[in-house]
Amino acid sequence: MNYIEFQKIMGLFTVFSIADIRQADPTFYRRRLNEWQKKGYIRKVVRGYYIFADRALNEKVLFEIANRIYAPSYVSFEMALAYYGLIPESVYGFTSASTRKTSHFKTPIGSFIYRTLRPRMYFGFDFLKNNEKIFKLASPEKAFLDLFYIKTQLRDAASFEGLRINREAFLKLMDRDKINSYLGTYGQLSLVRRVNNFWEYIKHA
């Protein structure tokens, strides 16, 4: 398979893997990827995953890539809260929840951070479209709870203030009944207390 053929087939993918290539051409010579990287045709994201060098990158494309390079996962925590306008734009990188071990990939296109949740907590995300491609993003309520679950230091007014939550957006977007129903799955009384403390804080902020 020459580069023109390769580009035509793999161009259907936002990010493509060695497995994707081998499925299209079982005889593909892997060293071609190194050649095409040197020529500036493709870019390596993480081991085994690549994008075309001219791929336009925006937030939603990067969400797709985040989902794909470490699966199963969905975008959550600070990145999802920033997407919904609940906190200022994240400087932490593309934060995701996964049932796999906690990992952090520093790549040429961004920093991808994955935090571990128990399998029973792997829910509460939506499948959103970006130019006919799908990515998984936590609902506002789930991103909020995921963050509080991971960051146990969030427990009082001083720590809540550090989040810089947009009060108006929070009260408009958040469904408290949904949050309460989700809390049962986490199975932590301390989390329930901290979330209730935050509700009291944000109502009077």
C-alpha atoms as a PDB file:
ATOM      1  CA  MET A   1       0.000   0.000   0.000  1.00  0.00           C
ATOM      2  CA  ASN A   2       1.525   3.304  -1.078  1.00  0.00           C
ATOM      3  CA  TYR A   3       0.972   6.586   0.757  1.00  0.00           C
ATOM      4  CA  ILE A   4      -1.875   7.786  -1.494  1.00  0.00           C
ATOM      5  CA  GLU A   5      -3.779   4.545  -0.884  1.00  0.00           C
ATOM      6  CA  PHE A   6      -2.937   4.691   2.809  1.00  0.00           C
ATOM      7  CA  GLN A   7      -4.179   8.271   3.098  1.00  0.00           C
ATOM      8  CA  LYS A   8      -7.432   7.447   1.334  1.00  0.00           C
ATOM      9  CA  ILE A   9      -8.204   4.545   3.691  1.00  0.00           C
ATOM     10  CA  MET A  10      -6.877   5.885   6.993  1.00  0.00           C
ATOM     11  CA  GLY A  11      -8.217   9.366   6.325  1.00  0.00           C
ATOM     12  CA  LEU A  12     -11.568   8.026   7.508  1.00  0.00           C
ATOM     13  CA  PHE A  13     -10.122   7.830  11.033  1.00  0.00           C
ATOM     14  CA  THR A  14      -9.472  10.800  13.321  1.00  0.00           C
ATOM     15  CA  VAL A  15      -6.666   8.784  14.902  1.00  0.00           C
ATOM     16  CA  PHE A  16      -5.558   5.413  13.572  1.00  0.00           C
ATOM     17  CA  SER A  17      -3.752   2.482  15.108  1.00  0.00           C
ATOM     18  CA  ILE A  18      -1.444  -0.258  13.892  1.00  0.00           C
ATOM     19  CA  ALA A  19      -4.419  -2.614  14.249  1.00  0.00           C
ATOM     20  CA  ASP A  20      -6.525  -0.388  11.972  1.00  0.00           C
ATOM     21  CA  ILE A  21      -3.790  -0.423   9.341  1.00  0.00           C
ATOM     22  CA  ARG A  22      -3.287  -4.181   9.547  1.00  0.00           C
ATOM     23  CA  GLN A  23      -7.009  -4.723   9.172  1.00  0.00           C
ATOM     24  CA  ALA A  24      -6.909  -2.786   5.908  1.00  0.00           C
ATOM     25  CA  ASP A  25      -3.653  -4.387   4.750  1.00  0.00           C
ATOM     26  CA  PRO A  26      -2.355  -7.438   6.683  1.00  0.00           C
ATOM     27  CA  THR A  27       0.967  -7.241   4.788  1.00  0.00           C
ATOM     28  CA  PHE A  28       1.636  -3.600   5.691  1.00  0.00           C
ATOM     29  CA  TYR A  29       5.331  -2.912   6.339  1.00  0.00           C
ATOM     30  CA  ARG A  30       5.464  -1.076   9.674  1.00  0.00           C
ATOM     31  CA  ARG A  31       8.698   0.771   8.872  1.00  0.00           C
ATOM     32  CA  ARG A  32       6.699   2.808   6.382  1.00  0.00           C
ATOM     33  CA  LEU A  33       5.235   4.673   9.349  1.00  0.00           C
ATOM     34  CA  ASN A  34       8.707   5.808  10.415  1.00  0.00           C
ATOM     35  CA  GLU A  35       9.430   6.954   6.847  1.00  0.00           C
ATOM     36  CA  TRP A  36       6.195   8.912   6.645  1.00  0.00           C
ATOM     37  CA  GLN A  37       6.817  10.511  10.040  1.00  0.00           C
ATOM     38  CA  LYS A  38      10.236  11.710   8.865  1.00  0.00           C
ATOM     39  CA  LYS A  39       8.643  13.156   5.754  1.00  0.00           C
ATOM     40  CA  GLY A  40       6.094  14.995   7.908  1.00  0.00           C
ATOM     41  CA  TYR A  41       3.073  13.143   6.534  1.00  0.00           C
ATOM     42  CA  ILE A  42       1.907  11.655   9.842  1.00  0.00           C
ATOM     43  CA  ARG A  43       2.476  12.294  13.550  1.00  0.00           C
ATOM     44  CA  LYS A  44       2.743   9.795  16.365  1.00  0.00           C
ATOM     45  CA  VAL A  45       0.422  10.511  19.295  1.00  0.00           C
ATOM     46  CA  VAL A  46       1.313   7.633  21.626  1.00  0.00           C
ATOM     47  CA  ARG A  47       2.742   4.205  20.970  1.00  0.00           C
ATOM     48  CA  GLY A  48       0.702   2.529  18.264  1.00  0.00           C
ATOM     49  CA  TYR A  49      -1.515   5.537  17.443  1.00  0.00           C
ATOM     50  CA  TYR A  50      -1.051   8.178  14.754  1.00  0.00           C
ATOM     51  CA  ILE A  51      -2.777  11.133  13.112  1.00  0.00           C
ATOM     52  CA  PHE A  52      -2.164  12.824   9.776  1.00  0.00           C
ATOM     53  CA  ALA A  53       0.107  15.833  10.176  1.00  0.00           C
ATOM     54  CA  ASP A  54      -2.387  18.143   8.483  1.00  0.00           C
ATOM     55  CA  ARG A  55      -5.273  17.039  10.710  1.00  0.00           C
ATOM     56  CA  ALA A  56      -7.009  20.154  12.055  1.00  0.00           C
ATOM     57  CA  LEU A  57      -7.113  19.872  15.830  1.00  0.00           C
ATOM     58  CA  ASN A  58      -9.844  21.410  17.927  1.00  0.00           C
ATOM     59  CA  GLU A  59     -11.288  20.535  21.320  1.00  0.00           C
ATOM     60  CA  LYS A  60     -13.763  17.952  20.046  1.00  0.00           C
ATOM     61  CA  VAL A  61     -11.183  16.246  17.825  1.00  0.00           C
ATOM     62  CA  LEU A  62      -8.891  16.003  20.833  1.00  0.00           C
ATOM     63  CA  PHE A  63     -11.748  14.502  22.841  1.00  0.00           C
ATOM     64  CA  GLU A  64     -12.083  11.794  20.163  1.00  0.00           C
ATOM     65  CA  ILE A  65      -8.364  11.126  20.363  1.00  0.00           C
ATOM     66  CA  ALA A  66      -8.490  10.991  24.173  1.00  0.00           C
ATOM     67  CA  ASN A  67     -11.230   8.360  24.009  1.00  0.00           C
ATOM     68  CA  ARG A  68      -9.391   6.269  21.460  1.00  0.00           C
ATOM     69  CA  ILE A  69      -5.789   6.102  22.673  1.00  0.00           C
ATOM     70  CA  TYR A  70      -6.751   4.738  26.106  1.00  0.00           C
ATOM     71  CA  ALA A  71      -9.991   2.794  26.118  1.00  0.00           C
ATOM     72  CA  PRO A  72     -12.405   2.442  27.735  1.00  0.00           C
ATOM     73  CA  SER A  73     -12.481   6.074  28.774  1.00  0.00           C
ATOM     74  CA  TYR A  74     -14.612   9.199  28.637  1.00  0.00           C
ATOM     75  CA  VAL A  75     -13.655  12.863  29.041  1.00  0.00           C
ATOM     76  CA  SER A  76     -14.481  14.038  32.558  1.00  0.00           C
ATOM     77  CA  PHE A  77     -13.148  15.927  35.609  1.00  0.00           C
ATOM     78  CA  GLU A  78     -11.698  19.405  34.964  1.00  0.00           C
ATOM     79  CA  MET A  79     -11.812  19.166  31.169  1.00  0.00           C
ATOM     80  CA  ALA A  80     -15.522  18.335  31.047  1.00  0.00           C
ATOM     81  CA  LEU A  81     -16.350  21.014  33.626  1.00  0.00           C
ATOM     82  CA  ALA A  82     -14.416  23.561  31.561  1.00  0.00           C
ATOM     83  CA  TYR A  83     -16.256  22.423  28.396  1.00  0.00           C
ATOM     84  CA  TYR A  84     -19.581  23.205  30.095  1.00  0.00           C
ATOM     85  CA  GLY A  85     -18.330  26.599  31.249  1.00  0.00           C
ATOM     86  CA  LEU A  86     -18.414  25.588  34.911  1.00  0.00           C
ATOM     87  CA  ILE A  87     -14.751  26.335  35.615  1.00  0.00           C
ATOM     88  CA  PRO A  88     -12.163  28.400  33.725  1.00  0.00           C
ATOM     89  CA  GLU A  89     -10.454  26.656  30.813  1.00  0.00           C
ATOM     90  CA  SER A  90      -8.465  23.714  32.083  1.00  0.00           C
ATOM     91  CA  VAL A  91      -4.701  23.941  32.253  1.00  0.00           C
ATOM     92  CA  TYR A  92      -4.385  20.345  33.385  1.00  0.00           C
ATOM     93  CA  GLY A  93      -4.649  18.695  29.983  1.00  0.00           C
ATOM     94  CA  PHE A  94      -7.343  16.402  28.646  1.00  0.00           C
ATOM     95  CA  THR A  95      -8.647  14.665  31.766  1.00  0.00           C
ATOM     96  CA  SER A  96     -10.592  11.427  31.378  1.00  0.00           C
ATOM     97  CA  ALA A  97     -12.055   8.667  33.518  1.00  0.00           C
ATOM     98  CA  SER A  98     -11.159   5.048  32.811  1.00  0.00           C
ATOM     99  CA  THR A  99     -11.517   1.643  34.418  1.00  0.00           C
ATOM    100  CA  ARG A 100      -7.858   1.033  33.603  1.00  0.00           C
ATOM    101  CA  LYS A 101      -4.920   2.170  35.730  1.00  0.00           C
ATOM    102  CA  THR A 102      -4.177   5.867  36.142  1.00  0.00           C
ATOM    103  CA  SER A 103      -1.961   7.073  33.278  1.00  0.00           C
ATOM    104  CA  HIS A 104      -0.554  10.299  31.866  1.00  0.00           C
ATOM    105  CA  PHE A 105       0.611  10.724  28.277  1.00  0.00           C
ATOM    106  CA  LYS A 106       2.528  13.839  27.283  1.00  0.00           C
ATOM    107  CA  THR A 107       2.223  13.981  23.509  1.00  0.00           C
ATOM    108  CA  PRO A 108       3.051  16.450  20.716  1.00  0.00           C
ATOM    109  CA  ILE A 109      -0.631  17.420  20.532  1.00  0.00           C
ATOM    110  CA  GLY A 110      -1.428  17.707  24.234  1.00  0.00           C
ATOM    111  CA  SER A 111      -1.347  16.109  27.647  1.00  0.00           C
ATOM    112  CA  PHE A 112      -3.799  13.241  28.177  1.00  0.00           C
ATOM    113  CA  ILE A 113      -4.540  12.267  31.791  1.00  0.00           C
ATOM    114  CA  TYR A 114      -6.577   9.209  32.797  1.00  0.00           C
ATOM    115  CA  ARG A 115      -7.818   8.610  36.342  1.00  0.00           C
ATOM    116  CA  THR A 116      -9.143   5.299  37.540  1.00  0.00           C
ATOM    117  CA  LEU A 117     -12.763   4.725  38.507  1.00  0.00           C
ATOM    118  CA  ARG A 118     -14.244   1.428  39.623  1.00  0.00           C
ATOM    119  CA  PRO A 119     -16.213  -0.349  36.861  1.00  0.00           C
ATOM    120  CA  ARG A 120     -19.524   0.360  38.624  1.00  0.00           C
ATOM    121  CA  MET A 121     -18.771   4.097  38.312  1.00  0.00           C
ATOM    122  CA  TYR A 122     -18.183   3.929  34.572  1.00  0.00           C
ATOM    123  CA  PHE A 123     -21.433   5.585  33.482  1.00  0.00           C
ATOM    124  CA  GLY A 124     -23.006   9.013  33.202  1.00  0.00           C
ATOM    125  CA  PHE A 125     -21.461  10.057  29.897  1.00  0.00           C
ATOM    126  CA  ASP A 126     -23.063  11.097  26.626  1.00  0.00           C
ATOM    127  CA  PHE A 127     -22.152  10.077  23.085  1.00  0.00           C
ATOM    128  CA  LEU A 128     -21.679  13.323  21.178  1.00  0.00           C
ATOM    129  CA  LYS A 129     -21.062  13.867  17.479  1.00  0.00           C
ATOM    130  CA  ASN A 130     -18.282  15.791  15.802  1.00  0.00           C
ATOM    131  CA  ASN A 131     -18.500  15.650  11.995  1.00  0.00           C
ATOM    132  CA  GLU A 132     -20.120  12.212  12.147  1.00  0.00           C
ATOM    133  CA  LYS A 133     -17.465  10.955  14.598  1.00  0.00           C
ATOM    134  CA  ILE A 134     -18.481  10.029  18.140  1.00  0.00           C
ATOM    135  CA  PHE A 135     -16.801  10.899  21.418  1.00  0.00           C
ATOM    136  CA  LYS A 136     -17.792  10.210  25.027  1.00  0.00           C
ATOM    137  CA  LEU A 137     -18.137  13.137  27.429  1.00  0.00           C
ATOM    138  CA  ALA A 138     -19.337  13.080  31.046  1.00  0.00           C
ATOM    139  CA  SER A 139     -22.565  14.880  31.825  1.00  0.00           C
ATOM    140  CA  PRO A 140     -22.072  17.977  34.004  1.00  0.00           C
ATOM    141  CA  GLU A 141     -23.302  16.065  37.046  1.00  0.00           C
ATOM    142  CA  LYS A 142     -21.009  13.100  36.466  1.00  0.00           C
ATOM    143  CA  ALA A 143     -17.932  15.252  35.790  1.00  0.00           C
ATOM    144  CA  PHE A 144     -18.618  17.099  39.046  1.00  0.00           C
ATOM    145  CA  LEU A 145     -18.971  13.885  41.057  1.00  0.00           C
ATOM    146  CA  ASP A 146     -15.954  12.267  39.409  1.00  0.00           C
ATOM    147  CA  LEU A 147     -13.851  15.264  40.425  1.00  0.00           C
ATOM    148  CA  PHE A 148     -15.094  15.210  44.021  1.00  0.00           C
ATOM    149  CA  TYR A 149     -14.533  11.449  44.193  1.00  0.00           C
ATOM    150  CA  ILE A 150     -10.909  11.771  43.094  1.00  0.00           C
ATOM    151  CA  LYS A 151     -10.114  14.968  44.999  1.00  0.00           C
ATOM    152  CA  THR A 152     -10.984  14.141  48.593  1.00  0.00           C
ATOM    153  CA  GLN A 153      -9.480  17.452  49.719  1.00  0.00           C
ATOM    154  CA  LEU A 154     -12.583  19.207  48.365  1.00  0.00           C
ATOM    155  CA  ARG A 155     -14.476  19.462  51.634  1.00  0.00           C
ATOM    156  CA  ASP A 156     -14.783  23.074  52.831  1.00  0.00           C
ATOM    157  CA  ALA A 157     -15.306  26.637  51.633  1.00  0.00           C
ATOM    158  CA  ALA A 158     -11.594  27.325  51.172  1.00  0.00           C
ATOM    159  CA  SER A 159     -11.103  24.298  48.901  1.00  0.00           C
ATOM    160  CA  PHE A 160     -14.386  24.924  47.065  1.00  0.00           C
ATOM    161  CA  GLU A 161     -13.333  28.496  46.343  1.00  0.00           C
ATOM    162  CA  GLY A 162     -10.177  27.177  44.684  1.00  0.00           C
ATOM    163  CA  LEU A 163     -12.297  25.444  42.035  1.00  0.00           C
ATOM    164  CA  ARG A 164     -13.518  28.828  40.760  1.00  0.00           C
ATOM    165  CA  ILE A 165     -16.909  27.346  39.893  1.00  0.00           C
ATOM    166  CA  ASN A 166     -19.185  29.605  37.857  1.00  0.00           C
ATOM    167  CA  ARG A 167     -22.102  29.815  40.293  1.00  0.00           C
ATOM    168  CA  GLU A 168     -24.711  30.912  37.752  1.00  0.00           C
ATOM    169  CA  ALA A 169     -23.776  28.188  35.277  1.00  0.00           C
ATOM    170  CA  PHE A 170     -23.635  25.563  38.021  1.00  0.00           C
ATOM    171  CA  LEU A 171     -27.098  26.292  39.366  1.00  0.00           C
ATOM    172  CA  LYS A 172     -28.505  26.403  35.832  1.00  0.00           C
ATOM    173  CA  LEU A 173     -26.905  23.211  34.526  1.00  0.00           C
ATOM    174  CA  MET A 174     -26.860  20.865  37.494  1.00  0.00           C
ATOM    175  CA  ASP A 175     -29.754  18.518  38.200  1.00  0.00           C
ATOM    176  CA  ARG A 176     -29.569  17.822  41.932  1.00  0.00           C
ATOM    177  CA  ASP A 177     -31.893  14.821  41.681  1.00  0.00           C
ATOM    178  CA  LYS A 178     -29.544  13.288  39.129  1.00  0.00           C
ATOM    179  CA  ILE A 179     -26.557  13.968  41.358  1.00  0.00           C
ATOM    180  CA  ASN A 180     -28.302  12.322  44.309  1.00  0.00           C
ATOM    181  CA  SER A 181     -29.200   9.264  42.232  1.00  0.00           C
ATOM    182  CA  TYR A 182     -25.596   8.976  40.997  1.00  0.00           C
ATOM    183  CA  LEU A 183     -24.186   9.298  44.512  1.00  0.00           C
ATOM    184  CA  GLY A 184     -25.611   5.937  45.546  1.00  0.00           C
ATOM    185  CA  THR A 185     -23.389   4.193  43.009  1.00  0.00           C
ATOM    186  CA  TYR A 186     -20.236   5.678  44.504  1.00  0.00           C
ATOM    187  CA  GLY A 187     -21.095   4.196  47.901  1.00  0.00           C
ATOM    188  CA  GLN A 188     -19.254   6.783  50.010  1.00  0.00           C
ATOM    189  CA  LEU A 189     -20.935   8.640  52.847  1.00  0.00           C
ATOM    190  CA  SER A 190     -17.999  11.046  52.997  1.00  0.00           C
ATOM    191  CA  LEU A 191     -18.581  11.941  49.338  1.00  0.00           C
ATOM    192  CA  VAL A 192     -22.274  12.585  50.054  1.00  0.00           C
ATOM    193  CA  ARG A 193     -21.329  14.905  52.919  1.00  0.00           C
ATOM    194  CA  ARG A 194     -18.776  16.812  50.850  1.00  0.00           C
ATOM    195  CA  VAL A 195     -21.193  17.231  47.924  1.00  0.00           C
ATOM    196  CA  ASN A 196     -23.921  18.474  50.299  1.00  0.00           C
ATOM    197  CA  ASN A 197     -21.419  20.904  51.811  1.00  0.00           C
ATOM    198  CA  PHE A 198     -20.683  22.206  48.327  1.00  0.00           C
ATOM    199  CA  TRP A 199     -24.384  22.765  47.599  1.00  0.00           C
ATOM    200  CA  GLU A 200     -24.672  24.889  50.726  1.00  0.00           C
ATOM    201  CA  TYR A 201     -21.520  26.776  49.746  1.00  0.00           C
ATOM    202  CA  ILE A 202     -22.587  27.504  46.153  1.00  0.00           C
ATOM    203  CA  LYS A 203     -26.082  28.639  47.167  1.00  0.00           C
ATOM    204  CA  HIS A 204     -24.581  31.382  49.289  1.00  0.00           C
ATOM    205  CA  ALA A 205     -21.432  32.144  47.290  1.00  0.00           C
END
